[in-house]
Amino acid sequence: MRKDVRFNINHYARVKLTEQGLRAYAERQANENMRLRKYRPLNPANTPDGYWRAQAWEIIQFLGPVCGLGMGPLVDCEIIFEVPETCP
């Protein structure tokens, strides 16, 4: 049985990045830090259980350019969506 869940891309989600994903994230953040002349952490694992928690659009933005068919996995193939109970 399938259950459809409405999800707003501004809601938060959590993913656990692989070693390859962590390297790609650190490279992206180093470039962003240099471009914006500000510092953001190079390690996205910002939860006690090692997941990267961010708004879904940011995860999509990060994975888009570095994810493709035949490439190594950047995340542990599971995305946890934080859907508020008020969503239909």
Protein backbone atom coordinates (compact mmCIF):
# COMPACT_ATOMS: atom_id res chain seq x y z
CA MET A 1 0.00 0.00 0.00
CA ARG A 2 1.24 3.47 -0.85
CA LYS A 3 0.68 6.66 1.09
CA ASP A 4 1.15 10.02 -0.61
CA VAL A 5 2.64 12.72 1.58
CA ARG A 6 2.69 16.39 0.63
CA PHE A 7 6.11 17.88 1.14
CA ASN A 8 7.24 21.48 0.80
CA ILE A 9 10.84 21.85 -0.38
CA ASN A 10 11.31 24.47 2.33
CA HIS A 11 10.78 21.77 4.97
CA TYR A 12 13.81 20.11 6.43
CA ALA A 13 15.25 16.76 5.43
CA ARG A 14 18.21 14.71 6.62
CA VAL A 15 20.70 12.65 4.62
CA LYS A 16 23.85 10.83 5.62
CA LEU A 17 26.66 11.60 3.19
CA THR A 18 29.17 8.93 2.17
CA GLU A 19 32.92 9.66 2.21
CA GLN A 20 32.63 10.72 -1.44
CA GLY A 21 29.69 12.94 -0.56
CA LEU A 22 31.61 14.54 2.31
CA ARG A 23 34.52 15.33 -0.04
CA ALA A 24 32.17 16.84 -2.62
CA TYR A 25 30.46 18.92 0.07
CA ALA A 26 33.77 20.17 1.51
CA GLU A 27 34.95 21.17 -1.98
CA ARG A 28 31.70 23.00 -2.67
CA GLN A 29 31.80 24.82 0.66
CA ALA A 30 35.46 25.81 0.23
CA ASN A 31 34.57 27.37 -3.15
CA GLU A 32 31.50 29.10 -1.66
CA ASN A 33 33.49 30.39 1.32
CA MET A 34 36.06 31.87 -1.03
CA ARG A 35 33.42 33.35 -3.35
CA LEU A 36 31.31 34.86 -0.57
CA ARG A 37 34.27 35.72 1.66
CA LYS A 38 32.58 34.15 4.64
CA TYR A 39 32.97 30.93 6.57
CA ARG A 40 30.56 28.04 6.70
CA PRO A 41 31.55 24.67 8.18
CA LEU A 42 33.09 22.20 5.74
CA ASN A 43 31.50 19.23 7.52
CA PRO A 44 27.74 19.08 7.02
CA ALA A 45 27.12 16.34 9.60
CA ASN A 46 25.30 18.70 11.94
CA THR A 47 23.21 16.21 13.93
CA PRO A 48 24.38 13.88 16.72
CA ASP A 49 23.70 10.82 14.54
CA GLY A 50 25.87 12.12 11.67
CA TYR A 51 23.14 13.27 9.30
CA TRP A 52 23.22 16.52 7.37
CA ARG A 53 20.04 18.44 8.18
CA ALA A 54 19.05 21.15 5.72
CA GLN A 55 16.08 22.46 3.82
CA ALA A 56 15.23 20.04 1.00
CA TRP A 57 15.99 22.64 -1.69
CA GLU A 58 19.57 22.97 -0.39
CA ILE A 59 20.09 19.21 -0.51
CA ILE A 60 18.70 19.13 -4.06
CA GLN A 61 20.91 22.08 -5.04
CA PHE A 62 23.99 20.31 -3.68
CA LEU A 63 23.27 16.89 -5.19
CA GLY A 64 22.16 18.16 -8.61
CA PRO A 65 25.54 18.98 -10.18
CA VAL A 66 27.48 16.13 -8.53
CA CYS A 67 25.04 13.24 -8.83
CA GLY A 68 24.44 11.19 -11.94
CA LEU A 69 24.05 7.72 -13.41
CA GLY A 70 27.18 5.63 -12.94
CA MET A 71 28.69 7.92 -10.33
CA GLY A 72 29.46 6.68 -6.85
CA PRO A 73 26.75 7.24 -4.24
CA LEU A 74 27.01 10.52 -2.33
CA VAL A 75 24.33 9.65 0.24
CA ASP A 76 23.32 6.44 1.98
CA CYS A 77 20.25 6.15 -0.30
CA GLU A 78 17.86 7.25 2.40
CA ILE A 79 16.33 10.69 2.86
CA ILE A 80 14.40 11.47 6.01
CA PHE A 81 11.78 14.13 5.40
CA GLU A 82 10.64 16.16 8.39
CA VAL A 83 6.98 16.69 7.57
CA PRO A 84 5.03 18.77 10.09
CA GLU A 85 1.89 17.09 11.38
CA THR A 86 -0.16 20.00 10.04
CA CYS A 87 0.57 18.95 6.43
CA PRO A 88 -2.35 17.12 4.77
